[in-house]
Amino acid sequence: MPKQLIYFLVCLLTTLASCSQRAYLFTSFREPATDGLRLLYSYNGYTWKDMDTVFLKPAVGHQKVMRDPSMVQGPDGTFHLVWTSSWRGDKGFGYASSKDLLHWSQQGLLPIMNETAAVNVWAPELFYDKTADDFKIVWAACIPGKFPKGLEEDSNNHRLYYTHTKDLRAYGRCERFFDPGYSVIDAVIVQQSNNKYVLVFKDNTRPERDLKVAHGSSPLGPWTNISAPFTDKLTEGPSVVKFKNKWLIYYDAYGKKTYEAVETKDFHTFQPPTHKIDLPEGHKHGTIVPVKKKVVKDLLKQLGKP
C-alpha cells in the first residue's frame, strides 16, 4: 500500500476517532430557580438527557437564585460558571469554578456594574477569546432614565454591558457593549471564523421580544447588519453550538411553553433542525459546552448514573 494512502487513512481514522469522542453539556435551571445548577448531556447535539442532580446551590445575591447559568471551559480545563443571582438589587452576578463539575470553589458575587442607578444585572454570558487569551462577560442592565423610552416600562429598558478578565478575579472596566437604540437582553457571542463574529440576542422591546443576530469583526463588535427576527415572538435565551458544518441555536419559546431550535450555516438564513430535538421537560436556558465524551462518562459514573 502506498505510503501516501496509509498516511491518508491514518489521518482519516484519527479525525473520525476525535469526532466520536465529542459530547455536550447544557447548563440548566428549573423554576423558581432556587435549587441551582443542573446539567443536561448529549452525544449528538439533538437528544438531551438530564443528569437529575443539583450540582451547585446558589448562595449569593439578594434573592440567592440561579438563573441563566453560563459556563465555559478554560484552556487549563477549569469550568467557569456565572449566573443571574437576583431579579433586582444586585450590582453583579454569581461566580464559581470547578475542575470536575462536582467540587466547586466558594461562590462569589462579582459587583461589576459601576452604574449606581442600575437596578439589575441579568444573564451574564461568558465567552473565551482565544486571540486575547481572556474571557469576555456580557450582561444586560437597566438604568432608568438613561436611554430613550420605548413602549416597555423604564425599569425594563435594558442595554448590554461587558468586562474582560484573565482569571475571573481581576476585571477590566465595565463598559457599554451594544446599544442598538432599543431594549436588548440575552446576548451570546459566537466566533463564526477567524475574523467573523456573530451576536445572537433578544430584542426585548414590547413589539418584538424575539431573537435576532448582528455581525462584527471582533468579539466586541462593532455590531452591524442586524437581522430580522428568526424566531417567533415571546422567545429568549439563545444557546448556540457548532455541530459539524452548521450551527444549532436553541431557545426558550416561553410564550408557547416549549423549547425549540433552528439551524444555520451562515447566520443569514435559518431553518428548522434536520433532526428532531428532545429535551427534558422543565429545562430552562443556559449555555452549551462541548467537552470530551470522557468528561460526561466519568461524571455519570461518579453520580452512579447508568
C-alpha atoms as a PDB file:
ATOM      1  CA  MET A   1       0.000   0.000   0.000  1.00  0.00           C
ATOM      2  CA  PRO A   2       1.472   3.410  -0.955  1.00  0.00           C
ATOM      3  CA  LYS A   3       2.754   5.489   1.954  1.00  0.00           C
ATOM      4  CA  GLN A   4       0.535   8.418   0.905  1.00  0.00           C
ATOM      5  CA  LEU A   5      -2.577   6.236   1.149  1.00  0.00           C
ATOM      6  CA  ILE A   6      -1.517   4.875   4.544  1.00  0.00           C
ATOM      7  CA  TYR A   7      -0.957   8.431   5.787  1.00  0.00           C
ATOM      8  CA  PHE A   8      -4.362   9.494   4.485  1.00  0.00           C
ATOM      9  CA  LEU A   9      -6.111   6.567   6.188  1.00  0.00           C
ATOM     10  CA  VAL A  10      -4.346   7.221   9.491  1.00  0.00           C
ATOM     11  CA  CYS A  11      -5.394  10.886   9.363  1.00  0.00           C
ATOM     12  CA  LEU A  12      -8.962   9.938   8.471  1.00  0.00           C
ATOM     13  CA  LEU A  13      -9.229   7.417  11.308  1.00  0.00           C
ATOM     14  CA  THR A  14      -7.715   9.890  13.756  1.00  0.00           C
ATOM     15  CA  THR A  15     -10.220  12.534  12.720  1.00  0.00           C
ATOM     16  CA  LEU A  16     -13.143  10.128  12.998  1.00  0.00           C
ATOM     17  CA  ALA A  17     -11.960   8.961  16.404  1.00  0.00           C
ATOM     18  CA  SER A  18     -11.628  12.547  17.568  1.00  0.00           C
ATOM     19  CA  CYS A  19     -15.158  13.376  16.389  1.00  0.00           C
ATOM     20  CA  SER A  20     -16.568  10.295  18.110  1.00  0.00           C
ATOM     21  CA  GLN A  21     -15.112  11.469  21.432  1.00  0.00           C
ATOM     22  CA  ARG A  22     -17.134  14.700  21.471  1.00  0.00           C
ATOM     23  CA  ALA A  23     -20.068  15.269  23.792  1.00  0.00           C
ATOM     24  CA  TYR A  24     -22.027  18.293  25.004  1.00  0.00           C
ATOM     25  CA  LEU A  25     -23.125  19.670  28.359  1.00  0.00           C
ATOM     26  CA  PHE A  26     -26.081  22.056  28.619  1.00  0.00           C
ATOM     27  CA  THR A  27     -26.299  24.181  31.774  1.00  0.00           C
ATOM     28  CA  SER A  28     -29.848  24.385  33.057  1.00  0.00           C
ATOM     29  CA  PHE A  29     -32.088  25.504  35.888  1.00  0.00           C
ATOM     30  CA  ARG A  30     -35.680  24.916  36.909  1.00  0.00           C
ATOM     31  CA  GLU A  31     -38.208  27.456  38.068  1.00  0.00           C
ATOM     32  CA  PRO A  32     -38.380  29.057  40.594  1.00  0.00           C
ATOM     33  CA  ALA A  33     -34.562  28.973  40.219  1.00  0.00           C
ATOM     34  CA  THR A  34     -33.807  28.397  43.905  1.00  0.00           C
ATOM     35  CA  ASP A  35     -32.470  24.834  43.571  1.00  0.00           C
ATOM     36  CA  GLY A  36     -29.390  25.610  41.499  1.00  0.00           C
ATOM     37  CA  LEU A  37     -27.313  24.298  38.623  1.00  0.00           C
ATOM     38  CA  ARG A  38     -28.484  21.297  36.643  1.00  0.00           C
ATOM     39  CA  LEU A  39     -26.713  19.734  33.654  1.00  0.00           C
ATOM     40  CA  LEU A  40     -28.068  18.041  30.557  1.00  0.00           C
ATOM     41  CA  TYR A  41     -25.815  15.935  28.336  1.00  0.00           C
ATOM     42  CA  SER A  42     -25.885  14.837  24.709  1.00  0.00           C
ATOM     43  CA  TYR A  43     -23.693  12.824  22.357  1.00  0.00           C
ATOM     44  CA  ASN A  44     -25.257  14.135  19.151  1.00  0.00           C
ATOM     45  CA  GLY A  45     -26.357  17.714  19.932  1.00  0.00           C
ATOM     46  CA  TYR A  46     -30.069  16.954  19.420  1.00  0.00           C
ATOM     47  CA  THR A  47     -31.107  14.449  22.101  1.00  0.00           C
ATOM     48  CA  TRP A  48     -30.519  15.600  25.669  1.00  0.00           C
ATOM     49  CA  LYS A  49     -30.798  13.820  28.999  1.00  0.00           C
ATOM     50  CA  ASP A  50     -30.895  15.329  32.470  1.00  0.00           C
ATOM     51  CA  MET A  51     -28.279  14.145  34.960  1.00  0.00           C
ATOM     52  CA  ASP A  52     -31.034  14.666  37.531  1.00  0.00           C
ATOM     53  CA  THR A  53     -28.688  16.238  40.066  1.00  0.00           C
ATOM     54  CA  VAL A  54     -28.256  19.723  41.503  1.00  0.00           C
ATOM     55  CA  PHE A  55     -24.542  20.447  41.115  1.00  0.00           C
ATOM     56  CA  LEU A  56     -24.382  23.842  42.821  1.00  0.00           C
ATOM     57  CA  LYS A  57     -26.981  25.502  45.049  1.00  0.00           C
ATOM     58  CA  PRO A  58     -26.946  29.328  44.837  1.00  0.00           C
ATOM     59  CA  ALA A  59     -25.763  31.098  47.985  1.00  0.00           C
ATOM     60  CA  VAL A  60     -25.048  34.686  46.888  1.00  0.00           C
ATOM     61  CA  GLY A  61     -27.120  37.724  45.973  1.00  0.00           C
ATOM     62  CA  HIS A  62     -30.224  39.311  47.437  1.00  0.00           C
ATOM     63  CA  GLN A  63     -32.514  36.532  46.264  1.00  0.00           C
ATOM     64  CA  LYS A  64     -29.990  33.690  46.134  1.00  0.00           C
ATOM     65  CA  VAL A  65     -31.353  32.302  42.899  1.00  0.00           C
ATOM     66  CA  MET A  66     -29.509  30.851  39.920  1.00  0.00           C
ATOM     67  CA  ARG A  67     -30.919  31.854  36.560  1.00  0.00           C
ATOM     68  CA  ASP A  68     -29.273  31.876  33.114  1.00  0.00           C
ATOM     69  CA  PRO A  69     -26.214  29.796  34.123  1.00  0.00           C
ATOM     70  CA  SER A  70     -23.416  30.385  31.608  1.00  0.00           C
ATOM     71  CA  MET A  71     -20.380  28.109  31.626  1.00  0.00           C
ATOM     72  CA  VAL A  72     -17.191  27.783  29.614  1.00  0.00           C
ATOM     73  CA  GLN A  73     -14.179  25.517  29.977  1.00  0.00           C
ATOM     74  CA  GLY A  74     -10.957  27.487  30.063  1.00  0.00           C
ATOM     75  CA  PRO A  75      -7.725  26.443  28.325  1.00  0.00           C
ATOM     76  CA  ASP A  76      -6.486  24.816  31.570  1.00  0.00           C
ATOM     77  CA  GLY A  77      -9.610  22.648  31.768  1.00  0.00           C
ATOM     78  CA  THR A  78     -11.301  24.606  34.560  1.00  0.00           C
ATOM     79  CA  PHE A  79     -15.038  25.163  34.215  1.00  0.00           C
ATOM     80  CA  HIS A  80     -16.121  28.728  34.985  1.00  0.00           C
ATOM     81  CA  LEU A  81     -19.764  29.480  35.793  1.00  0.00           C
ATOM     82  CA  VAL A  82     -21.615  32.794  36.079  1.00  0.00           C
ATOM     83  CA  TRP A  83     -25.322  33.345  36.686  1.00  0.00           C
ATOM     84  CA  THR A  84     -28.093  35.838  37.452  1.00  0.00           C
ATOM     85  CA  SER A  85     -28.268  35.992  41.244  1.00  0.00           C
ATOM     86  CA  SER A  86     -31.333  38.243  41.686  1.00  0.00           C
ATOM     87  CA  TRP A  87     -34.119  39.791  39.645  1.00  0.00           C
ATOM     88  CA  ARG A  88     -33.383  43.210  41.157  1.00  0.00           C
ATOM     89  CA  GLY A  89     -30.934  44.786  43.543  1.00  0.00           C
ATOM     90  CA  ASP A  90     -27.614  43.095  42.713  1.00  0.00           C
ATOM     91  CA  LYS A  91     -24.916  45.141  41.004  1.00  0.00           C
ATOM     92  CA  GLY A  92     -23.184  41.984  39.856  1.00  0.00           C
ATOM     93  CA  PHE A  93     -23.594  38.270  39.239  1.00  0.00           C
ATOM     94  CA  GLY A  94     -22.728  34.970  40.864  1.00  0.00           C
ATOM     95  CA  TYR A  95     -19.497  33.148  40.057  1.00  0.00           C
ATOM     96  CA  ALA A  96     -17.879  29.793  40.888  1.00  0.00           C
ATOM     97  CA  SER A  97     -15.400  27.424  39.241  1.00  0.00           C
ATOM     98  CA  SER A  98     -14.723  23.697  39.208  1.00  0.00           C
ATOM     99  CA  LYS A  99     -12.250  21.209  37.798  1.00  0.00           C
ATOM    100  CA  ASP A 100     -14.659  18.276  37.725  1.00  0.00           C
ATOM    101  CA  LEU A 101     -18.183  19.828  37.989  1.00  0.00           C
ATOM    102  CA  LEU A 102     -18.715  18.028  41.285  1.00  0.00           C
ATOM    103  CA  HIS A 103     -16.487  20.056  43.608  1.00  0.00           C
ATOM    104  CA  TRP A 104     -16.876  23.829  43.335  1.00  0.00           C
ATOM    105  CA  SER A 105     -14.970  26.826  44.594  1.00  0.00           C
ATOM    106  CA  GLN A 106     -16.534  29.168  47.111  1.00  0.00           C
ATOM    107  CA  GLN A 107     -19.237  31.193  45.421  1.00  0.00           C
ATOM    108  CA  GLY A 108     -18.735  34.901  44.937  1.00  0.00           C
ATOM    109  CA  LEU A 109     -20.869  37.849  43.924  1.00  0.00           C
ATOM    110  CA  LEU A 110     -18.922  39.975  41.472  1.00  0.00           C
ATOM    111  CA  PRO A 111     -20.139  43.599  41.859  1.00  0.00           C
ATOM    112  CA  ILE A 112     -19.056  44.622  38.375  1.00  0.00           C
ATOM    113  CA  MET A 113     -21.795  47.114  37.468  1.00  0.00           C
ATOM    114  CA  ASN A 114     -20.372  50.571  38.203  1.00  0.00           C
ATOM    115  CA  GLU A 115     -23.560  52.494  37.333  1.00  0.00           C
ATOM    116  CA  THR A 116     -25.042  53.368  40.715  1.00  0.00           C
ATOM    117  CA  ALA A 117     -28.549  53.764  39.269  1.00  0.00           C
ATOM    118  CA  ALA A 118     -28.561  50.266  37.719  1.00  0.00           C
ATOM    119  CA  VAL A 119     -31.452  48.226  39.062  1.00  0.00           C
ATOM    120  CA  ASN A 120     -30.328  44.801  37.897  1.00  0.00           C
ATOM    121  CA  VAL A 121     -27.741  42.599  36.232  1.00  0.00           C
ATOM    122  CA  TRP A 122     -29.272  39.928  34.014  1.00  0.00           C
ATOM    123  CA  ALA A 123     -27.972  36.880  32.143  1.00  0.00           C
ATOM    124  CA  PRO A 124     -24.164  37.232  32.281  1.00  0.00           C
ATOM    125  CA  GLU A 125     -22.678  35.313  29.356  1.00  0.00           C
ATOM    126  CA  LEU A 126     -19.095  34.029  29.230  1.00  0.00           C
ATOM    127  CA  PHE A 127     -17.027  33.936  26.043  1.00  0.00           C
ATOM    128  CA  TYR A 128     -13.417  32.754  25.912  1.00  0.00           C
ATOM    129  CA  ASP A 129     -11.471  34.918  23.452  1.00  0.00           C
ATOM    130  CA  LYS A 130      -8.622  32.770  22.106  1.00  0.00           C
ATOM    131  CA  THR A 131      -6.897  35.688  20.391  1.00  0.00           C
ATOM    132  CA  ALA A 132      -6.733  37.853  23.516  1.00  0.00           C
ATOM    133  CA  ASP A 133      -6.465  34.834  25.838  1.00  0.00           C
ATOM    134  CA  ASP A 134      -9.096  36.239  28.160  1.00  0.00           C
ATOM    135  CA  PHE A 135     -12.773  35.950  28.996  1.00  0.00           C
ATOM    136  CA  LYS A 136     -15.375  38.436  27.869  1.00  0.00           C
ATOM    137  CA  ILE A 137     -18.515  38.656  30.013  1.00  0.00           C
ATOM    138  CA  VAL A 138     -21.620  40.332  28.591  1.00  0.00           C
ATOM    139  CA  TRP A 139     -24.794  41.093  30.543  1.00  0.00           C
ATOM    140  CA  ALA A 140     -27.935  43.212  30.398  1.00  0.00           C
ATOM    141  CA  ALA A 141     -28.712  46.010  32.833  1.00  0.00           C
ATOM    142  CA  CYS A 142     -31.425  48.609  33.164  1.00  0.00           C
ATOM    143  CA  ILE A 143     -30.629  52.193  34.191  1.00  0.00           C
ATOM    144  CA  PRO A 144     -33.946  54.105  34.388  1.00  0.00           C
ATOM    145  CA  GLY A 145     -33.936  57.433  32.572  1.00  0.00           C
ATOM    146  CA  LYS A 146     -30.602  56.875  30.825  1.00  0.00           C
ATOM    147  CA  PHE A 147     -31.940  55.844  27.406  1.00  0.00           C
ATOM    148  CA  PRO A 148     -34.859  56.893  25.183  1.00  0.00           C
ATOM    149  CA  LYS A 149     -38.031  55.329  26.498  1.00  0.00           C
ATOM    150  CA  GLY A 150     -39.813  52.646  24.476  1.00  0.00           C
ATOM    151  CA  LEU A 151     -43.197  51.014  24.950  1.00  0.00           C
ATOM    152  CA  GLU A 152     -41.846  48.887  27.788  1.00  0.00           C
ATOM    153  CA  GLU A 153     -41.568  50.280  31.304  1.00  0.00           C
ATOM    154  CA  ASP A 154     -38.479  52.356  32.027  1.00  0.00           C
ATOM    155  CA  SER A 155     -37.420  49.730  34.551  1.00  0.00           C
ATOM    156  CA  ASN A 156     -37.267  47.220  31.663  1.00  0.00           C
ATOM    157  CA  ASN A 157     -35.307  49.332  29.190  1.00  0.00           C
ATOM    158  CA  HIS A 158     -32.069  47.317  29.014  1.00  0.00           C
ATOM    159  CA  ARG A 159     -28.736  47.756  27.287  1.00  0.00           C
ATOM    160  CA  LEU A 160     -25.783  45.371  27.120  1.00  0.00           C
ATOM    161  CA  TYR A 161     -22.521  45.867  29.035  1.00  0.00           C
ATOM    162  CA  TYR A 162     -19.277  43.904  29.229  1.00  0.00           C
ATOM    163  CA  THR A 163     -15.998  43.431  31.012  1.00  0.00           C
ATOM    164  CA  HIS A 164     -12.909  41.295  30.360  1.00  0.00           C
ATOM    165  CA  THR A 165     -10.802  39.190  32.677  1.00  0.00           C
ATOM    166  CA  LYS A 166      -7.895  36.756  32.539  1.00  0.00           C
ATOM    167  CA  ASP A 167      -8.799  34.731  35.605  1.00  0.00           C
ATOM    168  CA  LEU A 168     -12.299  35.851  36.705  1.00  0.00           C
ATOM    169  CA  ARG A 169     -10.745  37.529  39.736  1.00  0.00           C
ATOM    170  CA  ALA A 170      -9.311  40.802  38.394  1.00  0.00           C
ATOM    171  CA  TYR A 171     -11.527  42.660  35.932  1.00  0.00           C
ATOM    172  CA  GLY A 172     -11.314  45.468  33.441  1.00  0.00           C
ATOM    173  CA  ARG A 173     -13.726  48.381  33.467  1.00  0.00           C
ATOM    174  CA  CYS A 174     -17.437  47.882  32.933  1.00  0.00           C
ATOM    175  CA  GLU A 175     -18.270  49.370  29.539  1.00  0.00           C
ATOM    176  CA  ARG A 176     -21.278  49.537  27.269  1.00  0.00           C
ATOM    177  CA  PHE A 177     -21.207  46.666  24.809  1.00  0.00           C
ATOM    178  CA  PHE A 178     -24.219  47.010  22.499  1.00  0.00           C
ATOM    179  CA  ASP A 179     -26.872  49.693  22.165  1.00  0.00           C
ATOM    180  CA  PRO A 180     -28.999  49.369  19.015  1.00  0.00           C
ATOM    181  CA  GLY A 181     -31.325  52.123  20.226  1.00  0.00           C
ATOM    182  CA  TYR A 182     -33.795  49.815  21.940  1.00  0.00           C
ATOM    183  CA  SER A 183     -34.017  47.369  24.837  1.00  0.00           C
ATOM    184  CA  VAL A 184     -31.855  44.233  24.415  1.00  0.00           C
ATOM    185  CA  ILE A 185     -31.003  41.272  26.673  1.00  0.00           C
ATOM    186  CA  ASP A 186     -29.676  37.680  26.446  1.00  0.00           C
ATOM    187  CA  ALA A 187     -26.609  38.193  24.243  1.00  0.00           C
ATOM    188  CA  VAL A 188     -24.339  35.372  23.058  1.00  0.00           C
ATOM    189  CA  ILE A 189     -21.024  35.969  21.253  1.00  0.00           C
ATOM    190  CA  VAL A 190     -20.208  33.382  18.574  1.00  0.00           C
ATOM    191  CA  GLN A 191     -16.940  33.104  16.632  1.00  0.00           C
ATOM    192  CA  GLN A 192     -18.016  32.154  13.124  1.00  0.00           C
ATOM    193  CA  SER A 193     -14.484  32.150  11.652  1.00  0.00           C
ATOM    194  CA  ASN A 194     -11.112  33.836  12.257  1.00  0.00           C
ATOM    195  CA  ASN A 195     -12.359  37.387  11.808  1.00  0.00           C
ATOM    196  CA  LYS A 196     -16.113  36.901  11.741  1.00  0.00           C
ATOM    197  CA  TYR A 197     -18.207  37.101  14.879  1.00  0.00           C
ATOM    198  CA  VAL A 198     -21.929  36.955  15.459  1.00  0.00           C
ATOM    199  CA  LEU A 199     -24.009  38.354  18.285  1.00  0.00           C
ATOM    200  CA  VAL A 200     -27.221  36.448  18.950  1.00  0.00           C
ATOM    201  CA  PHE A 201     -29.547  38.483  21.174  1.00  0.00           C
ATOM    202  CA  LYS A 202     -33.113  39.157  22.228  1.00  0.00           C
ATOM    203  CA  ASP A 203     -34.851  42.309  21.027  1.00  0.00           C
ATOM    204  CA  ASN A 204     -36.672  42.975  24.292  1.00  0.00           C
ATOM    205  CA  THR A 205     -38.994  45.709  23.055  1.00  0.00           C
ATOM    206  CA  ARG A 206     -42.737  45.164  23.519  1.00  0.00           C
ATOM    207  CA  PRO A 207     -43.476  44.979  19.771  1.00  0.00           C
ATOM    208  CA  GLU A 208     -40.802  42.291  19.274  1.00  0.00           C
ATOM    209  CA  ARG A 209     -39.499  40.102  22.146  1.00  0.00           C
ATOM    210  CA  ASP A 210     -37.792  37.769  19.681  1.00  0.00           C
ATOM    211  CA  LEU A 211     -34.281  36.766  18.610  1.00  0.00           C
ATOM    212  CA  LYS A 212     -32.028  38.494  16.093  1.00  0.00           C
ATOM    213  CA  VAL A 213     -28.354  38.422  15.081  1.00  0.00           C
ATOM    214  CA  ALA A 214     -25.777  41.113  14.343  1.00  0.00           C
ATOM    215  CA  HIS A 215     -22.332  40.768  12.746  1.00  0.00           C
ATOM    216  CA  GLY A 216     -18.885  42.069  13.675  1.00  0.00           C
ATOM    217  CA  SER A 217     -15.164  41.590  13.074  1.00  0.00           C
ATOM    218  CA  SER A 218     -14.200  41.148  16.736  1.00  0.00           C
ATOM    219  CA  PRO A 219     -15.788  39.821  19.929  1.00  0.00           C
ATOM    220  CA  LEU A 220     -16.507  43.425  20.899  1.00  0.00           C
ATOM    221  CA  GLY A 221     -18.060  44.438  17.590  1.00  0.00           C
ATOM    222  CA  PRO A 222     -18.928  46.989  16.442  1.00  0.00           C
ATOM    223  CA  TRP A 223     -22.132  45.084  15.679  1.00  0.00           C
ATOM    224  CA  THR A 224     -23.838  45.869  12.382  1.00  0.00           C
ATOM    225  CA  ASN A 225     -26.239  44.316   9.858  1.00  0.00           C
ATOM    226  CA  ILE A 226     -28.874  43.485  12.449  1.00  0.00           C
ATOM    227  CA  SER A 227     -31.149  40.799  11.065  1.00  0.00           C
ATOM    228  CA  ALA A 228     -34.885  40.471  11.031  1.00  0.00           C
ATOM    229  CA  PRO A 229     -36.229  38.170  13.771  1.00  0.00           C
ATOM    230  CA  PHE A 230     -35.550  34.488  13.119  1.00  0.00           C
ATOM    231  CA  THR A 231     -37.871  33.242  15.883  1.00  0.00           C
ATOM    232  CA  ASP A 232     -41.485  33.812  16.823  1.00  0.00           C
ATOM    233  CA  LYS A 233     -42.382  36.442  19.397  1.00  0.00           C
ATOM    234  CA  LEU A 234     -42.051  35.659  23.109  1.00  0.00           C
ATOM    235  CA  THR A 235     -38.746  33.835  22.698  1.00  0.00           C
ATOM    236  CA  GLU A 236     -35.482  34.315  24.592  1.00  0.00           C
ATOM    237  CA  GLY A 237     -32.357  32.702  25.999  1.00  0.00           C
ATOM    238  CA  PRO A 238     -30.396  31.639  22.879  1.00  0.00           C
ATOM    239  CA  SER A 239     -27.822  28.858  23.295  1.00  0.00           C
ATOM    240  CA  VAL A 240     -25.506  28.287  20.333  1.00  0.00           C
ATOM    241  CA  VAL A 241     -23.324  25.324  19.432  1.00  0.00           C
ATOM    242  CA  LYS A 242     -21.478  24.306  16.274  1.00  0.00           C
ATOM    243  CA  PHE A 243     -22.249  20.823  15.088  1.00  0.00           C
ATOM    244  CA  LYS A 244     -20.375  19.576  12.002  1.00  0.00           C
ATOM    245  CA  ASN A 245     -20.839  22.226   9.282  1.00  0.00           C
ATOM    246  CA  LYS A 246     -23.745  24.105  10.834  1.00  0.00           C
ATOM    247  CA  TRP A 247     -24.816  25.908  13.956  1.00  0.00           C
ATOM    248  CA  LEU A 248     -27.694  24.966  16.217  1.00  0.00           C
ATOM    249  CA  ILE A 249     -29.439  27.787  18.073  1.00  0.00           C
ATOM    250  CA  TYR A 250     -31.634  26.571  20.913  1.00  0.00           C
ATOM    251  CA  TYR A 251     -34.040  28.972  22.564  1.00  0.00           C
ATOM    252  CA  ASP A 252     -36.815  29.187  25.106  1.00  0.00           C
ATOM    253  CA  ALA A 253     -40.195  29.745  23.408  1.00  0.00           C
ATOM    254  CA  TYR A 254     -41.735  30.850  26.687  1.00  0.00           C
ATOM    255  CA  GLY A 255     -44.900  32.133  25.050  1.00  0.00           C
ATOM    256  CA  LYS A 256     -45.726  28.597  23.898  1.00  0.00           C
ATOM    257  CA  LYS A 257     -44.032  26.954  26.905  1.00  0.00           C
ATOM    258  CA  THR A 258     -41.803  24.912  24.581  1.00  0.00           C
ATOM    259  CA  TYR A 259     -38.095  24.629  23.876  1.00  0.00           C
ATOM    260  CA  GLU A 260     -37.130  24.952  20.222  1.00  0.00           C
ATOM    261  CA  ALA A 261     -34.160  25.287  17.872  1.00  0.00           C
ATOM    262  CA  VAL A 262     -33.124  26.435  14.413  1.00  0.00           C
ATOM    263  CA  GLU A 263     -30.115  25.589  12.262  1.00  0.00           C
ATOM    264  CA  THR A 264     -27.958  27.884  10.175  1.00  0.00           C
ATOM    265  CA  LYS A 265     -24.758  27.667   8.155  1.00  0.00           C
ATOM    266  CA  ASP A 266     -24.209  31.398   7.704  1.00  0.00           C
ATOM    267  CA  PHE A 267     -26.337  33.260  10.303  1.00  0.00           C
ATOM    268  CA  HIS A 268     -28.322  34.775   7.455  1.00  0.00           C
ATOM    269  CA  THR A 269     -30.796  32.001   6.727  1.00  0.00           C
ATOM    270  CA  PHE A 270     -32.351  29.829   9.413  1.00  0.00           C
ATOM    271  CA  GLN A 271     -34.227  26.536   9.069  1.00  0.00           C
ATOM    272  CA  PRO A 272     -35.888  24.041  11.402  1.00  0.00           C
ATOM    273  CA  PRO A 273     -33.488  21.357  12.686  1.00  0.00           C
ATOM    274  CA  THR A 274     -32.753  18.465  10.333  1.00  0.00           C
ATOM    275  CA  HIS A 275     -33.193  16.074  13.267  1.00  0.00           C
ATOM    276  CA  LYS A 276     -35.797  16.038  15.982  1.00  0.00           C
ATOM    277  CA  ILE A 277     -34.683  17.741  19.184  1.00  0.00           C
ATOM    278  CA  ASP A 278     -35.532  16.194  22.532  1.00  0.00           C
ATOM    279  CA  LEU A 279     -35.012  17.976  25.858  1.00  0.00           C
ATOM    280  CA  PRO A 280     -36.256  17.166  29.366  1.00  0.00           C
ATOM    281  CA  GLU A 281     -39.437  18.898  30.462  1.00  0.00           C
ATOM    282  CA  GLY A 282     -38.824  21.940  32.640  1.00  0.00           C
ATOM    283  CA  HIS A 283     -35.379  22.753  31.210  1.00  0.00           C
ATOM    284  CA  LYS A 284     -34.617  26.497  31.272  1.00  0.00           C
ATOM    285  CA  HIS A 285     -31.929  28.138  29.217  1.00  0.00           C
ATOM    286  CA  GLY A 286     -28.213  28.098  29.870  1.00  0.00           C
ATOM    287  CA  THR A 287     -25.208  27.512  27.599  1.00  0.00           C
ATOM    288  CA  ILE A 288     -23.920  24.514  25.659  1.00  0.00           C
ATOM    289  CA  VAL A 289     -20.329  23.439  26.361  1.00  0.00           C
ATOM    290  CA  PRO A 290     -18.544  20.987  24.019  1.00  0.00           C
ATOM    291  CA  VAL A 291     -16.480  18.549  26.072  1.00  0.00           C
ATOM    292  CA  LYS A 292     -14.693  15.247  25.618  1.00  0.00           C
ATOM    293  CA  LYS A 293     -17.016  12.283  25.882  1.00  0.00           C
ATOM    294  CA  LYS A 294     -14.897  11.019  28.776  1.00  0.00           C
ATOM    295  CA  VAL A 295     -15.943  14.060  30.840  1.00  0.00           C
ATOM    296  CA  VAL A 296     -19.600  13.047  30.575  1.00  0.00           C
ATOM    297  CA  LYS A 297     -18.981   9.350  31.133  1.00  0.00           C
ATOM    298  CA  ASP A 298     -16.794   9.983  34.175  1.00  0.00           C
ATOM    299  CA  LEU A 299     -19.378  12.386  35.596  1.00  0.00           C
ATOM    300  CA  LEU A 300     -22.183   9.864  35.145  1.00  0.00           C
ATOM    301  CA  LYS A 301     -20.045   7.194  36.778  1.00  0.00           C
ATOM    302  CA  GLN A 302     -19.314   9.426  39.772  1.00  0.00           C
ATOM    303  CA  LEU A 303     -23.034  10.120  40.120  1.00  0.00           C
ATOM    304  CA  GLY A 304     -23.899   6.441  39.898  1.00  0.00           C
ATOM    305  CA  LYS A 305     -25.981   7.002  36.745  1.00  0.00           C
ATOM    306  CA  PRO A 306     -26.290   4.376  34.008  1.00  0.00           C
END
